[in-house]
Structures are given as C-alpha cells and as structure tokens.
C-alpha atoms as a PDB file:
ATOM      1  CA  MET A   1      -6.117  -5.763 -15.100  1.00  0.00           C
ATOM      2  CA  PHE A   2      -3.239  -6.271 -12.643  1.00  0.00           C
ATOM      3  CA  LYS A   3      -1.164  -9.436 -12.570  1.00  0.00           C
ATOM      4  CA  ALA A   4       0.585  -8.835  -9.248  1.00  0.00           C
ATOM      5  CA  THR A   5      -0.388  -8.877  -5.616  1.00  0.00           C
ATOM      6  CA  VAL A   6      -0.865  -5.683  -3.653  1.00  0.00           C
ATOM      7  CA  GLY A   7       2.321  -6.493  -1.737  1.00  0.00           C
ATOM      8  CA  THR A   8       4.268  -6.605  -4.977  1.00  0.00           C
ATOM      9  CA  ILE A   9       2.774  -3.382  -6.317  1.00  0.00           C
ATOM     10  CA  PHE A  10       3.596  -1.340  -3.222  1.00  0.00           C
ATOM     11  CA  SER A  11       6.917  -2.939  -2.280  1.00  0.00           C
ATOM     12  CA  ASP A  12       9.954  -0.705  -2.085  1.00  0.00           C
ATOM     13  CA  GLY A  13      12.469  -3.547  -2.289  1.00  0.00           C
ATOM     14  CA  PRO A  14      14.052  -5.072  -5.404  1.00  0.00           C
ATOM     15  CA  ALA A  15      12.628  -4.599  -8.885  1.00  0.00           C
ATOM     16  CA  MET A  16       8.913  -5.180  -8.964  1.00  0.00           C
ATOM     17  CA  GLU A  17       7.277  -7.582 -11.359  1.00  0.00           C
ATOM     18  CA  ARG A  18       6.081  -6.349 -14.696  1.00  0.00           C
ATOM     19  CA  ILE A  19       2.393  -5.458 -14.503  1.00  0.00           C
ATOM     20  CA  GLU A  20       0.219  -5.817 -17.588  1.00  0.00           C
ATOM     21  CA  LEU A  21      -2.182  -2.889 -17.996  1.00  0.00           C
ATOM     22  CA  ASP A  22      -5.669  -2.563 -19.400  1.00  0.00           C
ATOM     23  CA  SER A  23      -4.892   0.448 -21.590  1.00  0.00           C
ATOM     24  CA  THR A  24      -5.027   1.259 -25.270  1.00  0.00           C
ATOM     25  CA  ALA A  25      -1.578   2.908 -25.195  1.00  0.00           C
ATOM     26  CA  LEU A  26       0.366   1.318 -22.339  1.00  0.00           C
ATOM     27  CA  ALA A  27       0.985  -2.431 -22.414  1.00  0.00           C
ATOM     28  CA  TRP A  28       2.831  -2.838 -19.100  1.00  0.00           C
ATOM     29  CA  VAL A  29       4.847  -1.085 -16.396  1.00  0.00           C
ATOM     30  CA  ARG A  30       7.606  -2.087 -13.985  1.00  0.00           C
ATOM     31  CA  TYR A  31       9.086   0.011 -11.185  1.00  0.00           C
ATOM     32  CA  LEU A  32      12.678  -0.272  -9.978  1.00  0.00           C
ATOM     33  CA  PRO A  33      12.555   1.368  -6.537  1.00  0.00           C
ATOM     34  CA  ALA A  34      16.294   1.347  -5.779  1.00  0.00           C
ATOM     35  CA  GLU A  35      16.963   3.281  -9.005  1.00  0.00           C
ATOM     36  CA  ARG A  36      13.624   5.169  -9.015  1.00  0.00           C
ATOM     37  CA  VAL A  37      13.141   4.060 -12.627  1.00  0.00           C
ATOM     38  CA  LEU A  38       9.703   3.501 -14.134  1.00  0.00           C
ATOM     39  CA  GLN A  39       9.760   1.246 -17.187  1.00  0.00           C
ATOM     40  CA  VAL A  40       6.806   1.689 -19.536  1.00  0.00           C
ATOM     41  CA  GLY A  41       6.103  -0.760 -22.341  1.00  0.00           C
ATOM     42  CA  MET A  42       3.908   0.461 -25.165  1.00  0.00           C
ATOM     43  CA  HIS A  43       1.666  -1.647 -27.375  1.00  0.00           C
ATOM     44  CA  SER A  44       3.864  -0.471 -30.259  1.00  0.00           C
ATOM     45  CA  GLY A  45       6.732  -2.469 -28.739  1.00  0.00           C
ATOM     46  CA  MET A  46       8.724   0.565 -27.574  1.00  0.00           C
ATOM     47  CA  VAL A  47       9.963   0.587 -23.981  1.00  0.00           C
ATOM     48  CA  TYR A  48      10.827   3.774 -22.099  1.00  0.00           C
ATOM     49  CA  ASP A  49      12.779   4.071 -18.856  1.00  0.00           C
ATOM     50  CA  TYR A  50      11.712   7.172 -16.914  1.00  0.00           C
ATOM     51  CA  ILE A  51      14.383   8.400 -14.508  1.00  0.00           C
ATOM     52  CA  ASP A  52      13.967   9.603 -10.890  1.00  0.00           C
ATOM     53  CA  VAL A  53      10.259   8.763 -10.652  1.00  0.00           C
ATOM     54  CA  PRO A  54       8.955   8.759  -7.056  1.00  0.00           C
ATOM     55  CA  LEU A  55       7.084   5.661  -5.891  1.00  0.00           C
ATOM     56  CA  PRO A  56       3.820   7.630  -5.353  1.00  0.00           C
ATOM     57  CA  ILE A  57       3.739   8.469  -9.088  1.00  0.00           C
ATOM     58  CA  TYR A  58       3.917   4.753  -9.896  1.00  0.00           C
ATOM     59  CA  ARG A  59       1.192   3.985  -7.356  1.00  0.00           C
ATOM     60  CA  ASP A  60      -1.023   6.738  -8.769  1.00  0.00           C
ATOM     61  CA  LEU A  61      -0.521   5.427 -12.313  1.00  0.00           C
ATOM     62  CA  LEU A  62      -1.708   1.971 -11.244  1.00  0.00           C
ATOM     63  CA  ALA A  63      -4.706   3.457  -9.448  1.00  0.00           C
ATOM     64  CA  ALA A  64      -5.709   5.817 -12.282  1.00  0.00           C
ATOM     65  CA  GLU A  65      -8.972   5.156 -14.075  1.00  0.00           C
ATOM     66  CA  SER A  66      -7.251   5.988 -17.377  1.00  0.00           C
ATOM     67  CA  LYS A  67      -3.629   4.836 -17.377  1.00  0.00           C
ATOM     68  CA  GLY A  68      -2.882   6.544 -20.693  1.00  0.00           C
ATOM     69  CA  ARG A  69      -4.298   9.875 -19.554  1.00  0.00           C
ATOM     70  CA  TYR A  70      -2.365   9.741 -16.271  1.00  0.00           C
ATOM     71  CA  TYR A  71       0.829   8.833 -18.151  1.00  0.00           C
ATOM     72  CA  ASN A  72       0.382  11.728 -20.598  1.00  0.00           C
ATOM     73  CA  GLN A  73      -0.429  14.270 -17.872  1.00  0.00           C
ATOM     74  CA  HIS A  74       1.986  13.253 -15.105  1.00  0.00           C
ATOM     75  CA  ILE A  75       4.866  11.189 -16.513  1.00  0.00           C
ATOM     76  CA  ARG A  76       5.539  11.591 -20.227  1.00  0.00           C
ATOM     77  CA  SER A  77       6.878  15.154 -20.162  1.00  0.00           C
ATOM     78  CA  ALA A  78       7.649  15.381 -16.446  1.00  0.00           C
ATOM     79  CA  PHE A  79      10.645  13.029 -16.187  1.00  0.00           C
ATOM     80  CA  PRO A  80      13.777  12.444 -18.251  1.00  0.00           C
ATOM     81  CA  PHE A  81      13.690   9.157 -20.146  1.00  0.00           C
ATOM     82  CA  GLN A  82      15.656   6.882 -22.389  1.00  0.00           C
ATOM     83  CA  ARG A  83      14.474   4.253 -24.808  1.00  0.00           C
ATOM     84  CA  SER A  84      15.136   0.736 -23.655  1.00  0.00           C
ATOM     85  CA  ARG A  85      15.135  -2.616 -25.407  1.00  0.00           C
ATOM     86  CA  PRO A  86      11.931  -3.721 -27.189  1.00  0.00           C
ATOM     87  CA  SER A  87       9.296  -5.223 -24.890  1.00  0.00           C
ATOM     88  CA  ALA A  88       9.430  -8.596 -26.684  1.00  0.00           C
ATOM     89  CA  SER A  89      12.808  -9.273 -25.071  1.00  0.00           C
ATOM     90  CA  THR A  90      11.963  -8.191 -21.507  1.00  0.00           C
END
C-alpha cells in the first residue's frame, strides 16, 4: 500500500513524502535524499532515523515483498541510527 506517486518515490530532490506501508512492523517510511537519511516509523510509535542510507536501499525496501524482513536484513543493523520524535507528531 503506497500513498505516493512513482515520481515521488524515486525523486532525489527535497524530502520525499511519508509513505504508509503494508507491514506488521513498519508503519511508514520517508527518505531525505540530500541528507541520505531514511526515517522509519514503527507501529509501536517509535521513529528511527537511519544515517547515510543510499537511495537504492530505500527503493529496494519499497519494492520488497516483505518490508519487515528487508528492513531486518538490510537496514536495521547495517546503518547508524538515532531515535527521532514519536510518529504521532510527524
């Protein structure tokens, strides 16, 4: 379930729109191409900012059959992160 156009998803301009995901673990993602930051919102309400994430990783996450599996295998332990503000305020 994507709530953005293909042009938005693959843009490398300003911050991309938040994309709601059909996943049991991940609620939404947003990519900030200028900073190479991937924001991941969890259903628990936690938000994580992953640092120095290449655009192809973001694209592959959106294309993955299982978003949670892709996140666990290719993002979660592969990039430095910091907790961000709760998703209710984004």
